[in-house]
N, C-alpha and C. Protein backbone atom coordinates (compact mmCIF):
# COMPACT_ATOMS: atom_id res chain seq x y z
N MET A 1 -12.80 39.64 -25.18
CA MET A 1 -11.60 38.79 -25.36
C MET A 1 -11.01 38.41 -24.03
N GLY A 2 -10.93 39.43 -23.13
CA GLY A 2 -10.38 39.19 -21.80
C GLY A 2 -11.24 38.22 -21.03
N ASN A 3 -12.57 38.38 -21.13
CA ASN A 3 -13.49 37.49 -20.41
C ASN A 3 -13.36 36.05 -20.93
N LYS A 4 -13.15 35.91 -22.24
CA LYS A 4 -13.02 34.59 -22.83
C LYS A 4 -11.76 33.89 -22.33
N SER A 5 -10.65 34.65 -22.23
CA SER A 5 -9.40 34.07 -21.75
C SER A 5 -9.52 33.66 -20.29
N ALA A 6 -10.20 34.51 -19.50
CA ALA A 6 -10.38 34.22 -18.08
C ALA A 6 -11.24 32.98 -17.90
N SER A 7 -12.28 32.87 -18.76
CA SER A 7 -13.16 31.71 -18.68
C SER A 7 -12.43 30.43 -19.05
N GLN A 8 -11.57 30.52 -20.09
CA GLN A 8 -10.79 29.35 -20.52
C GLN A 8 -9.82 28.92 -19.43
N SER A 9 -9.19 29.92 -18.80
CA SER A 9 -8.23 29.63 -17.73
C SER A 9 -8.92 28.96 -16.55
N LYS A 10 -10.13 29.45 -16.23
CA LYS A 10 -10.90 28.86 -15.12
C LYS A 10 -11.30 27.42 -15.44
N THR A 11 -11.68 27.18 -16.70
CA THR A 11 -12.05 25.82 -17.11
C THR A 11 -10.87 24.88 -17.02
N ASP A 12 -9.69 25.35 -17.49
CA ASP A 12 -8.49 24.52 -17.42
C ASP A 12 -8.12 24.20 -15.98
N SER A 13 -8.28 25.22 -15.12
CA SER A 13 -7.96 25.03 -13.71
C SER A 13 -8.87 24.00 -13.06
N GLN A 14 -10.17 24.10 -13.40
CA GLN A 14 -11.13 23.13 -12.85
C GLN A 14 -10.83 21.73 -13.35
N GLY A 15 -10.45 21.63 -14.63
CA GLY A 15 -10.12 20.34 -15.20
C GLY A 15 -8.90 19.72 -14.53
N THR A 16 -7.91 20.57 -14.24
CA THR A 16 -6.70 20.09 -13.56
C THR A 16 -7.01 19.60 -12.16
N ASN A 17 -7.85 20.37 -11.44
CA ASN A 17 -8.22 19.98 -10.07
C ASN A 17 -8.98 18.65 -10.07
N THR A 18 -9.88 18.48 -11.07
CA THR A 18 -10.64 17.24 -11.17
C THR A 18 -9.72 16.06 -11.44
N THR A 19 -8.76 16.27 -12.34
CA THR A 19 -7.80 15.22 -12.67
C THR A 19 -6.99 14.83 -11.45
N LYS A 20 -6.52 15.83 -10.69
CA LYS A 20 -5.73 15.55 -9.49
C LYS A 20 -6.55 14.81 -8.46
N THR A 21 -7.83 15.20 -8.33
CA THR A 21 -8.70 14.54 -7.36
C THR A 21 -8.86 13.07 -7.69
N LYS A 22 -9.10 12.76 -8.98
CA LYS A 22 -9.26 11.38 -9.40
C LYS A 22 -7.97 10.59 -9.17
N ALA A 23 -6.83 11.25 -9.44
CA ALA A 23 -5.55 10.58 -9.26
C ALA A 23 -5.31 10.26 -7.79
N PHE A 24 -5.62 11.22 -6.91
CA PHE A 24 -5.43 11.00 -5.48
C PHE A 24 -6.39 9.95 -4.96
N ASN A 25 -7.60 9.89 -5.54
CA ASN A 25 -8.54 8.83 -5.15
C ASN A 25 -7.98 7.45 -5.50
N GLY A 26 -7.38 7.38 -6.70
CA GLY A 26 -6.76 6.12 -7.12
C GLY A 26 -5.61 5.74 -6.21
N LEU A 27 -4.79 6.73 -5.82
CA LEU A 27 -3.68 6.47 -4.90
C LEU A 27 -4.20 6.05 -3.54
N GLY A 28 -5.30 6.67 -3.10
CA GLY A 28 -5.89 6.33 -1.80
C GLY A 28 -6.36 4.89 -1.76
N ASN A 29 -6.93 4.41 -2.87
CA ASN A 29 -7.37 3.01 -2.92
C ASN A 29 -6.19 2.05 -2.93
N LEU A 30 -5.08 2.45 -3.53
CA LEU A 30 -3.88 1.62 -3.49
C LEU A 30 -3.34 1.51 -2.07
N ILE A 31 -3.37 2.63 -1.34
CA ILE A 31 -2.85 2.65 0.02
C ILE A 31 -3.63 1.69 0.91
N ARG A 32 -4.91 1.48 0.59
CA ARG A 32 -5.74 0.56 1.39
C ARG A 32 -5.24 -0.88 1.32
N LEU A 33 -4.41 -1.18 0.31
CA LEU A 33 -3.86 -2.52 0.18
C LEU A 33 -2.75 -2.78 1.20
N LEU A 34 -2.16 -1.70 1.74
CA LEU A 34 -1.00 -1.81 2.61
C LEU A 34 -1.40 -1.93 4.08
N PRO A 35 -0.51 -2.48 4.91
CA PRO A 35 -0.78 -2.55 6.35
C PRO A 35 -0.98 -1.15 6.93
N THR A 36 -2.03 -0.97 7.68
CA THR A 36 -2.39 0.36 8.20
C THR A 36 -1.27 0.98 9.01
N GLY A 37 -0.68 0.21 9.93
CA GLY A 37 0.37 0.74 10.79
C GLY A 37 1.58 1.20 10.02
N THR A 38 1.94 0.46 8.97
CA THR A 38 3.11 0.80 8.16
C THR A 38 2.90 2.11 7.41
N VAL A 39 1.71 2.28 6.84
CA VAL A 39 1.40 3.51 6.12
C VAL A 39 1.42 4.70 7.07
N PHE A 40 0.83 4.53 8.25
CA PHE A 40 0.81 5.62 9.24
C PHE A 40 2.23 5.98 9.66
N LEU A 41 3.06 4.97 9.91
CA LEU A 41 4.44 5.22 10.32
C LEU A 41 5.21 6.00 9.26
N PHE A 42 5.05 5.60 8.01
CA PHE A 42 5.76 6.28 6.92
C PHE A 42 5.29 7.73 6.78
N GLN A 43 3.97 7.93 6.76
CA GLN A 43 3.44 9.28 6.56
C GLN A 43 3.72 10.19 7.76
N PHE A 44 3.85 9.60 8.94
CA PHE A 44 4.11 10.39 10.14
C PHE A 44 5.58 10.79 10.24
N LEU A 45 6.48 9.86 9.93
CA LEU A 45 7.91 10.12 10.10
C LEU A 45 8.59 10.68 8.85
N ASN A 46 7.95 10.52 7.69
CA ASN A 46 8.57 10.97 6.44
C ASN A 46 8.93 12.45 6.42
N PRO A 47 8.03 13.36 6.84
CA PRO A 47 8.41 14.78 6.84
C PRO A 47 9.61 15.07 7.72
N VAL A 48 9.76 14.32 8.81
CA VAL A 48 10.89 14.52 9.72
C VAL A 48 12.18 13.98 9.10
N SER A 49 12.10 12.74 8.58
CA SER A 49 13.31 12.11 8.04
C SER A 49 13.83 12.81 6.79
N THR A 50 12.94 13.45 6.03
CA THR A 50 13.36 14.15 4.81
C THR A 50 13.52 15.65 5.02
N ASN A 51 13.24 16.09 6.25
CA ASN A 51 13.30 17.54 6.55
C ASN A 51 12.41 18.32 5.58
N ASN A 52 11.21 17.75 5.34
CA ASN A 52 10.23 18.35 4.41
C ASN A 52 10.81 18.57 3.02
N GLY A 53 11.65 17.62 2.60
CA GLY A 53 12.19 17.69 1.25
C GLY A 53 13.51 18.43 1.13
N GLN A 54 13.93 19.14 2.20
CA GLN A 54 15.19 19.88 2.19
C GLN A 54 16.27 18.99 2.80
N CYS A 55 16.71 18.01 2.04
CA CYS A 55 17.58 16.95 2.56
C CYS A 55 19.04 17.34 2.64
N HIS A 56 19.65 16.96 3.77
CA HIS A 56 21.10 16.93 3.92
C HIS A 56 21.47 15.45 3.94
N PRO A 57 22.76 15.12 3.85
CA PRO A 57 23.14 13.70 3.83
C PRO A 57 22.53 12.88 4.95
N VAL A 58 22.48 13.42 6.16
CA VAL A 58 21.94 12.66 7.28
C VAL A 58 20.46 12.36 7.08
N HIS A 59 19.74 13.29 6.46
CA HIS A 59 18.31 13.07 6.20
C HIS A 59 18.11 11.98 5.15
N LYS A 60 19.00 11.91 4.19
CA LYS A 60 18.90 10.86 3.17
C LYS A 60 19.10 9.48 3.79
N TYR A 61 20.04 9.39 4.73
CA TYR A 61 20.25 8.12 5.41
C TYR A 61 19.04 7.73 6.24
N LEU A 62 18.49 8.70 6.97
CA LEU A 62 17.32 8.43 7.80
C LEU A 62 16.11 8.05 6.96
N SER A 63 15.92 8.76 5.85
CA SER A 63 14.79 8.47 4.97
C SER A 63 14.94 7.11 4.31
N SER A 64 16.16 6.77 3.91
CA SER A 64 16.41 5.46 3.30
C SER A 64 16.11 4.35 4.30
N LEU A 65 16.50 4.57 5.57
CA LEU A 65 16.23 3.58 6.61
C LEU A 65 14.73 3.41 6.83
N LEU A 66 14.00 4.53 6.86
CA LEU A 66 12.56 4.49 7.05
C LEU A 66 11.88 3.76 5.89
N ILE A 67 12.28 4.07 4.67
CA ILE A 67 11.70 3.42 3.50
C ILE A 67 11.99 1.92 3.52
N GLY A 68 13.22 1.56 3.88
CA GLY A 68 13.59 0.16 3.93
C GLY A 68 12.80 -0.63 4.97
N VAL A 69 12.65 -0.05 6.16
CA VAL A 69 11.92 -0.71 7.24
C VAL A 69 10.44 -0.87 6.87
N CYS A 70 9.85 0.18 6.32
CA CYS A 70 8.43 0.13 5.95
C CYS A 70 8.19 -0.83 4.78
N GLY A 71 9.10 -0.83 3.81
CA GLY A 71 8.97 -1.76 2.69
C GLY A 71 9.07 -3.20 3.16
N LEU A 72 10.02 -3.45 4.08
CA LEU A 72 10.17 -4.80 4.64
C LEU A 72 8.92 -5.20 5.42
N SER A 73 8.36 -4.25 6.14
CA SER A 73 7.13 -4.52 6.92
C SER A 73 5.98 -4.90 6.00
N CYS A 74 5.86 -4.21 4.86
CA CYS A 74 4.79 -4.53 3.90
C CYS A 74 4.93 -5.95 3.38
N GLY A 75 6.18 -6.34 3.07
CA GLY A 75 6.40 -7.68 2.55
C GLY A 75 6.17 -8.76 3.59
N LEU A 76 6.68 -8.55 4.80
CA LEU A 76 6.57 -9.55 5.86
C LEU A 76 5.13 -9.72 6.34
N ALA A 77 4.32 -8.67 6.21
CA ALA A 77 2.93 -8.75 6.65
C ALA A 77 2.16 -9.85 5.92
N CYS A 78 2.60 -10.17 4.70
CA CYS A 78 1.93 -11.20 3.91
C CYS A 78 2.21 -12.60 4.43
N PHE A 79 3.21 -12.71 5.28
CA PHE A 79 3.58 -14.03 5.82
C PHE A 79 3.14 -14.18 7.28
N THR A 80 2.23 -13.34 7.70
CA THR A 80 1.66 -13.46 9.04
C THR A 80 0.17 -13.74 8.91
N ASP A 81 -0.38 -14.34 9.92
CA ASP A 81 -1.81 -14.64 9.92
C ASP A 81 -2.28 -14.72 11.36
N GLY A 82 -3.58 -14.74 11.53
CA GLY A 82 -4.13 -14.79 12.87
C GLY A 82 -5.31 -15.74 12.95
N TYR A 83 -5.56 -16.21 14.15
CA TYR A 83 -6.70 -17.10 14.39
C TYR A 83 -7.31 -16.74 15.75
N GLU A 84 -8.56 -17.07 15.90
CA GLU A 84 -9.24 -16.78 17.15
C GLU A 84 -9.13 -17.98 18.08
N GLY A 85 -8.54 -17.75 19.25
CA GLY A 85 -8.36 -18.83 20.22
C GLY A 85 -9.60 -19.07 21.05
N SER A 86 -9.49 -20.03 21.94
CA SER A 86 -10.64 -20.37 22.80
C SER A 86 -10.97 -19.25 23.78
N ASP A 87 -10.00 -18.34 23.97
CA ASP A 87 -10.25 -17.21 24.87
C ASP A 87 -10.95 -16.06 24.17
N GLY A 88 -11.26 -16.24 22.89
CA GLY A 88 -11.97 -15.20 22.14
C GLY A 88 -11.07 -14.12 21.58
N LYS A 89 -9.76 -14.22 21.79
CA LYS A 89 -8.82 -13.22 21.31
C LYS A 89 -8.14 -13.71 20.03
N THR A 90 -7.70 -12.75 19.24
CA THR A 90 -6.99 -13.09 18.00
C THR A 90 -5.50 -13.25 18.29
N HIS A 91 -4.95 -14.38 17.91
CA HIS A 91 -3.53 -14.66 18.11
C HIS A 91 -2.84 -14.69 16.75
N TYR A 92 -1.68 -14.03 16.68
CA TYR A 92 -0.97 -13.93 15.41
C TYR A 92 0.28 -14.81 15.40
N GLY A 93 0.67 -15.20 14.21
CA GLY A 93 1.88 -16.00 14.05
C GLY A 93 2.45 -15.84 12.66
N ILE A 94 3.56 -16.51 12.41
CA ILE A 94 4.25 -16.45 11.12
C ILE A 94 3.98 -17.74 10.35
N ALA A 95 3.64 -17.59 9.08
CA ALA A 95 3.35 -18.76 8.25
C ALA A 95 4.65 -19.48 7.88
N THR A 96 4.66 -20.78 8.06
CA THR A 96 5.80 -21.61 7.68
C THR A 96 5.29 -22.74 6.78
N THR A 97 6.20 -23.56 6.30
CA THR A 97 5.81 -24.67 5.44
C THR A 97 4.99 -25.73 6.20
N MET A 98 5.07 -25.69 7.52
CA MET A 98 4.35 -26.66 8.35
C MET A 98 3.03 -26.10 8.90
N GLY A 99 2.90 -24.79 8.86
CA GLY A 99 1.72 -24.15 9.44
C GLY A 99 2.09 -22.85 10.10
N LEU A 100 1.28 -22.44 11.06
CA LEU A 100 1.51 -21.17 11.74
C LEU A 100 2.43 -21.36 12.93
N TRP A 101 3.41 -20.46 13.08
CA TRP A 101 4.34 -20.49 14.20
C TRP A 101 4.26 -19.16 14.96
N PRO A 102 4.23 -19.17 16.29
CA PRO A 102 4.26 -20.34 17.18
C PRO A 102 2.93 -21.10 17.16
N GLY A 103 2.96 -22.34 17.65
CA GLY A 103 1.79 -23.20 17.62
C GLY A 103 0.67 -22.69 18.51
N SER A 104 -0.46 -23.36 18.44
CA SER A 104 -1.62 -22.95 19.22
C SER A 104 -1.37 -23.17 20.71
N ARG A 105 -2.01 -22.36 21.51
CA ARG A 105 -1.89 -22.48 22.96
C ARG A 105 -2.62 -23.72 23.44
N SER A 106 -2.25 -24.18 24.60
CA SER A 106 -2.92 -25.35 25.18
C SER A 106 -4.39 -25.03 25.39
N GLY A 107 -5.24 -25.92 24.98
CA GLY A 107 -6.68 -25.70 25.12
C GLY A 107 -7.33 -25.25 23.83
N ASP A 108 -6.50 -24.77 22.86
CA ASP A 108 -7.03 -24.36 21.56
C ASP A 108 -7.07 -25.56 20.61
N SER A 109 -8.19 -25.75 19.96
CA SER A 109 -8.33 -26.86 19.02
C SER A 109 -8.34 -26.35 17.59
N VAL A 110 -7.34 -25.53 17.27
CA VAL A 110 -7.24 -24.91 15.95
C VAL A 110 -6.23 -25.67 15.11
N ASP A 111 -6.61 -26.03 13.90
CA ASP A 111 -5.70 -26.71 12.98
C ASP A 111 -4.84 -25.67 12.28
N LEU A 112 -3.63 -25.48 12.77
CA LEU A 112 -2.75 -24.45 12.23
C LEU A 112 -2.06 -24.86 10.93
N SER A 113 -2.21 -26.12 10.53
CA SER A 113 -1.59 -26.57 9.29
C SER A 113 -2.23 -25.91 8.07
N LYS A 114 -3.47 -25.45 8.21
CA LYS A 114 -4.13 -24.81 7.08
C LYS A 114 -3.61 -23.41 6.82
N TYR A 115 -2.77 -22.91 7.73
CA TYR A 115 -2.18 -21.58 7.55
C TYR A 115 -0.77 -21.66 6.96
N LYS A 116 -0.40 -22.81 6.42
CA LYS A 116 0.97 -22.99 5.94
C LYS A 116 1.29 -22.06 4.76
N LEU A 117 2.58 -21.91 4.54
CA LEU A 117 3.09 -21.00 3.50
C LEU A 117 2.64 -21.46 2.12
N ARG A 118 2.27 -20.47 1.27
CA ARG A 118 1.82 -20.76 -0.09
C ARG A 118 2.55 -19.86 -1.09
N PHE A 119 2.53 -20.30 -2.34
CA PHE A 119 3.18 -19.52 -3.40
C PHE A 119 2.54 -18.14 -3.52
N GLY A 120 1.21 -18.08 -3.34
CA GLY A 120 0.50 -16.81 -3.45
C GLY A 120 0.97 -15.78 -2.44
N ASP A 121 1.51 -16.23 -1.29
CA ASP A 121 2.02 -15.30 -0.29
C ASP A 121 3.19 -14.50 -0.83
N PHE A 122 4.06 -15.16 -1.60
CA PHE A 122 5.21 -14.48 -2.19
C PHE A 122 4.78 -13.50 -3.28
N VAL A 123 3.76 -13.89 -4.04
CA VAL A 123 3.24 -13.00 -5.08
C VAL A 123 2.62 -11.76 -4.45
N ASP A 124 1.80 -11.96 -3.41
CA ASP A 124 1.18 -10.83 -2.71
C ASP A 124 2.23 -9.92 -2.10
N ALA A 125 3.27 -10.52 -1.50
CA ALA A 125 4.33 -9.73 -0.87
C ALA A 125 5.04 -8.86 -1.89
N PHE A 126 5.33 -9.43 -3.06
CA PHE A 126 6.01 -8.67 -4.11
C PHE A 126 5.18 -7.46 -4.54
N PHE A 127 3.88 -7.68 -4.74
CA PHE A 127 3.05 -6.58 -5.23
C PHE A 127 2.75 -5.56 -4.14
N LEU A 128 2.71 -5.98 -2.89
CA LEU A 128 2.52 -5.00 -1.82
C LEU A 128 3.75 -4.10 -1.70
N VAL A 129 4.93 -4.69 -1.85
CA VAL A 129 6.15 -3.89 -1.84
C VAL A 129 6.16 -2.94 -3.04
N LEU A 130 5.66 -3.42 -4.18
CA LEU A 130 5.57 -2.59 -5.38
C LEU A 130 4.61 -1.42 -5.15
N VAL A 131 3.47 -1.69 -4.52
CA VAL A 131 2.52 -0.63 -4.21
C VAL A 131 3.14 0.39 -3.26
N PHE A 132 3.89 -0.09 -2.27
CA PHE A 132 4.55 0.84 -1.35
C PHE A 132 5.60 1.68 -2.08
N THR A 133 6.28 1.07 -3.04
CA THR A 133 7.26 1.81 -3.84
C THR A 133 6.60 2.94 -4.60
N VAL A 134 5.40 2.69 -5.13
CA VAL A 134 4.64 3.73 -5.81
C VAL A 134 4.31 4.87 -4.85
N LEU A 135 3.89 4.50 -3.64
CA LEU A 135 3.59 5.51 -2.62
C LEU A 135 4.81 6.38 -2.34
N VAL A 136 5.98 5.75 -2.26
CA VAL A 136 7.22 6.49 -2.00
C VAL A 136 7.55 7.42 -3.15
N LEU A 137 7.43 6.92 -4.39
CA LEU A 137 7.76 7.73 -5.56
C LEU A 137 6.84 8.93 -5.72
N LEU A 138 5.60 8.79 -5.26
CA LEU A 138 4.64 9.88 -5.41
C LEU A 138 4.64 10.83 -4.22
N ASP A 139 5.47 10.55 -3.23
CA ASP A 139 5.57 11.44 -2.08
C ASP A 139 6.45 12.63 -2.43
N ALA A 140 5.92 13.83 -2.26
CA ALA A 140 6.63 15.04 -2.68
C ALA A 140 7.95 15.22 -1.93
N ASN A 141 7.95 14.97 -0.62
CA ASN A 141 9.17 15.14 0.17
C ASN A 141 10.27 14.19 -0.28
N THR A 142 9.90 12.93 -0.52
CA THR A 142 10.88 11.94 -0.96
C THR A 142 11.42 12.28 -2.35
N THR A 143 10.54 12.73 -3.22
CA THR A 143 10.96 13.11 -4.58
C THR A 143 11.96 14.26 -4.54
N ARG A 144 11.65 15.29 -3.73
CA ARG A 144 12.57 16.43 -3.62
C ARG A 144 13.89 16.04 -2.98
N CYS A 145 13.84 15.04 -2.11
CA CYS A 145 15.04 14.62 -1.38
C CYS A 145 15.98 13.78 -2.25
N PHE A 146 15.43 12.84 -3.01
CA PHE A 146 16.25 11.89 -3.75
C PHE A 146 16.25 12.13 -5.26
N TYR A 147 15.11 12.57 -5.80
CA TYR A 147 14.97 12.64 -7.25
C TYR A 147 14.41 13.99 -7.67
N ARG A 148 15.18 15.02 -7.49
CA ARG A 148 14.69 16.35 -7.85
C ARG A 148 14.38 16.45 -9.34
N SER A 149 15.07 15.66 -10.15
CA SER A 149 14.82 15.68 -11.60
C SER A 149 13.43 15.17 -11.94
N LEU A 150 12.83 14.38 -11.03
CA LEU A 150 11.49 13.83 -11.28
C LEU A 150 10.39 14.75 -10.76
N GLU A 151 10.77 15.82 -10.09
CA GLU A 151 9.76 16.69 -9.49
C GLU A 151 8.81 17.26 -10.52
N ASN A 152 9.35 17.62 -11.70
CA ASN A 152 8.52 18.18 -12.76
C ASN A 152 7.62 17.13 -13.41
N LYS A 153 7.97 15.86 -13.21
CA LYS A 153 7.19 14.77 -13.81
C LYS A 153 6.23 14.14 -12.80
N GLU A 154 6.11 14.77 -11.63
CA GLU A 154 5.29 14.18 -10.57
C GLU A 154 3.83 14.06 -10.99
N LYS A 155 3.33 15.06 -11.74
CA LYS A 155 1.94 15.03 -12.17
C LYS A 155 1.69 13.85 -13.10
N ILE A 156 2.64 13.61 -14.01
CA ILE A 156 2.51 12.48 -14.94
C ILE A 156 2.52 11.16 -14.18
N MET A 157 3.46 11.04 -13.22
CA MET A 157 3.53 9.81 -12.43
C MET A 157 2.27 9.60 -11.61
N LEU A 158 1.72 10.71 -11.11
CA LEU A 158 0.51 10.63 -10.29
C LEU A 158 -0.67 10.12 -11.11
N MET A 159 -0.68 10.42 -12.39
CA MET A 159 -1.75 9.96 -13.25
C MET A 159 -1.54 8.52 -13.73
N VAL A 160 -0.29 8.18 -14.03
CA VAL A 160 0.00 6.90 -14.67
C VAL A 160 0.16 5.75 -13.67
N LEU A 161 0.97 5.95 -12.63
CA LEU A 161 1.34 4.85 -11.75
C LEU A 161 0.16 4.21 -11.02
N PRO A 162 -0.75 5.00 -10.38
CA PRO A 162 -1.89 4.33 -9.72
C PRO A 162 -2.73 3.51 -10.68
N THR A 163 -2.88 4.00 -11.92
CA THR A 163 -3.67 3.28 -12.92
C THR A 163 -3.01 1.96 -13.30
N VAL A 164 -1.72 2.02 -13.62
CA VAL A 164 -1.01 0.82 -14.05
C VAL A 164 -0.91 -0.20 -12.93
N ILE A 165 -0.45 0.24 -11.75
CA ILE A 165 -0.27 -0.68 -10.63
C ILE A 165 -1.62 -1.19 -10.14
N GLY A 166 -2.64 -0.33 -10.15
CA GLY A 166 -3.98 -0.75 -9.73
C GLY A 166 -4.53 -1.84 -10.64
N THR A 167 -4.33 -1.69 -11.94
CA THR A 167 -4.81 -2.69 -12.90
C THR A 167 -4.10 -4.03 -12.71
N ILE A 168 -2.76 -3.96 -12.64
CA ILE A 168 -1.98 -5.19 -12.49
C ILE A 168 -2.29 -5.87 -11.16
N SER A 169 -2.34 -5.07 -10.07
CA SER A 169 -2.60 -5.64 -8.75
C SER A 169 -3.99 -6.27 -8.69
N GLY A 170 -4.97 -5.62 -9.33
CA GLY A 170 -6.32 -6.17 -9.35
C GLY A 170 -6.36 -7.55 -9.97
N VAL A 171 -5.63 -7.72 -11.09
CA VAL A 171 -5.58 -9.01 -11.77
C VAL A 171 -4.86 -10.04 -10.89
N VAL A 172 -3.74 -9.61 -10.29
CA VAL A 172 -2.95 -10.53 -9.46
C VAL A 172 -3.73 -11.01 -8.24
N PHE A 173 -4.44 -10.07 -7.58
CA PHE A 173 -5.18 -10.45 -6.37
C PHE A 173 -6.41 -11.30 -6.70
N MET A 174 -6.87 -11.24 -7.96
CA MET A 174 -7.94 -12.15 -8.37
C MET A 174 -7.39 -13.55 -8.64
N LEU A 175 -6.18 -13.60 -9.23
CA LEU A 175 -5.56 -14.89 -9.52
C LEU A 175 -5.01 -15.55 -8.26
N PHE A 176 -4.50 -14.71 -7.34
CA PHE A 176 -3.96 -15.22 -6.09
C PHE A 176 -4.65 -14.52 -4.92
N PRO A 177 -5.91 -14.85 -4.68
CA PRO A 177 -6.65 -14.19 -3.60
C PRO A 177 -5.99 -14.44 -2.25
N THR A 178 -5.83 -13.39 -1.48
CA THR A 178 -5.18 -13.53 -0.18
C THR A 178 -6.06 -14.32 0.78
N LYS A 179 -5.43 -15.18 1.54
CA LYS A 179 -6.16 -16.01 2.49
C LYS A 179 -5.77 -15.63 3.92
N ARG A 180 -5.19 -14.47 4.07
CA ARG A 180 -4.68 -14.10 5.39
C ARG A 180 -5.23 -12.76 5.86
N HIS A 181 -5.27 -12.61 7.17
CA HIS A 181 -5.53 -11.29 7.77
C HIS A 181 -4.54 -11.14 8.92
N GLY A 182 -3.27 -10.93 8.51
CA GLY A 182 -2.17 -10.91 9.46
C GLY A 182 -1.99 -9.59 10.18
N ILE A 183 -0.81 -9.43 10.75
CA ILE A 183 -0.49 -8.24 11.53
C ILE A 183 -0.57 -7.00 10.64
N GLY A 184 -1.27 -6.00 11.12
CA GLY A 184 -1.40 -4.75 10.37
C GLY A 184 -2.68 -4.64 9.59
N TYR A 185 -3.45 -5.74 9.52
CA TYR A 185 -4.72 -5.73 8.81
C TYR A 185 -5.85 -6.02 9.79
N PRO A 186 -7.04 -5.43 9.54
CA PRO A 186 -8.18 -5.73 10.41
C PRO A 186 -8.60 -7.17 10.27
N SER A 187 -9.02 -7.77 11.38
CA SER A 187 -9.48 -9.16 11.35
C SER A 187 -10.74 -9.28 10.51
N SER A 188 -10.77 -10.28 9.66
CA SER A 188 -11.94 -10.51 8.81
C SER A 188 -11.82 -11.92 8.27
N ASP A 189 -12.90 -12.41 7.65
CA ASP A 189 -12.80 -13.75 7.08
C ASP A 189 -12.07 -13.71 5.76
N THR A 190 -11.75 -14.87 5.23
CA THR A 190 -10.93 -14.98 4.02
C THR A 190 -11.55 -14.27 2.84
N SER A 191 -12.83 -14.49 2.60
CA SER A 191 -13.47 -13.92 1.42
C SER A 191 -13.52 -12.41 1.49
N THR A 192 -13.76 -11.86 2.69
CA THR A 192 -13.82 -10.41 2.84
C THR A 192 -12.47 -9.77 2.60
N THR A 193 -11.40 -10.38 3.16
CA THR A 193 -10.06 -9.84 2.99
C THR A 193 -9.66 -9.84 1.52
N SER A 194 -9.90 -10.96 0.84
CA SER A 194 -9.57 -11.08 -0.57
C SER A 194 -10.35 -10.09 -1.41
N ALA A 195 -11.63 -9.97 -1.15
CA ALA A 195 -12.48 -9.07 -1.92
C ALA A 195 -12.07 -7.62 -1.71
N THR A 196 -11.69 -7.27 -0.48
CA THR A 196 -11.29 -5.89 -0.19
C THR A 196 -10.06 -5.50 -0.97
N LYS A 197 -9.06 -6.38 -1.03
CA LYS A 197 -7.84 -6.06 -1.76
C LYS A 197 -8.11 -5.95 -3.25
N THR A 198 -8.88 -6.87 -3.78
CA THR A 198 -9.18 -6.85 -5.21
C THR A 198 -9.98 -5.60 -5.57
N THR A 199 -10.98 -5.26 -4.75
CA THR A 199 -11.80 -4.09 -5.00
C THR A 199 -10.98 -2.82 -4.93
N SER A 200 -10.09 -2.71 -3.93
CA SER A 200 -9.27 -1.51 -3.79
C SER A 200 -8.37 -1.31 -4.98
N ALA A 201 -7.76 -2.39 -5.47
CA ALA A 201 -6.88 -2.30 -6.63
C ALA A 201 -7.65 -1.92 -7.88
N THR A 202 -8.85 -2.49 -8.03
CA THR A 202 -9.69 -2.18 -9.19
C THR A 202 -10.14 -0.73 -9.17
N LYS A 203 -10.53 -0.24 -7.99
CA LYS A 203 -10.96 1.15 -7.86
C LYS A 203 -9.81 2.10 -8.16
N ALA A 204 -8.61 1.74 -7.74
CA ALA A 204 -7.45 2.58 -8.00
C ALA A 204 -7.24 2.78 -9.49
N ALA A 205 -7.47 1.73 -10.26
CA ALA A 205 -7.33 1.82 -11.71
C ALA A 205 -8.48 2.58 -12.35
N SER A 206 -9.71 2.26 -11.94
CA SER A 206 -10.87 2.85 -12.59
C SER A 206 -11.02 4.33 -12.26
N GLU A 207 -10.75 4.73 -11.02
CA GLU A 207 -10.95 6.13 -10.64
C GLU A 207 -9.87 7.02 -11.24
N SER A 208 -8.69 6.47 -11.49
CA SER A 208 -7.62 7.28 -12.10
C SER A 208 -7.88 7.51 -13.59
N THR A 209 -8.59 6.57 -14.22
CA THR A 209 -8.81 6.69 -15.66
C THR A 209 -10.16 7.30 -15.98
N ALA A 210 -11.04 7.41 -14.96
CA ALA A 210 -12.39 7.92 -15.21
C ALA A 210 -12.38 9.37 -15.66
């Protein structure tokens, strides 16, 4: 009887670990949608700003500021783009209704009007901020700091949120494929950048539900 109970407990434990692994894989694929520098900044400074979850009022202010800055960075990254100049270097600018700003350097024969602002940029920005919000909600330190009542529900959120957001984001990025590789993203051509985001979102959904 004792051996049977121990075996059942071991099986349940292995099942839980497998579930957590799949959930974290799904979350990892969602994180790939975000600007690399922004994710690094948040994960590096978050333990400090939240005092590892043991928040005092000053830590809440610092953490709120960090979350706000990183969320803004995720959204603004969708409105930046880059092009390769005649010097072989990648130059970045901000997308406007007229094209990329600032304009091309003298000697560059790049048509910057093709980088003009599009409706899809706003859609991508919204969903990237949404993905970052999921990352914040699933962070243990942030949860303990702001939402202690949600701490017991963290496992449920870890299973549900990457799946839901991954599915929705995958559909959105297929309907509005990104045409940019702006600040915070590795330089690549349009098709590669779009495919990477769509694939990451799809994997986030499939690996969490597998």
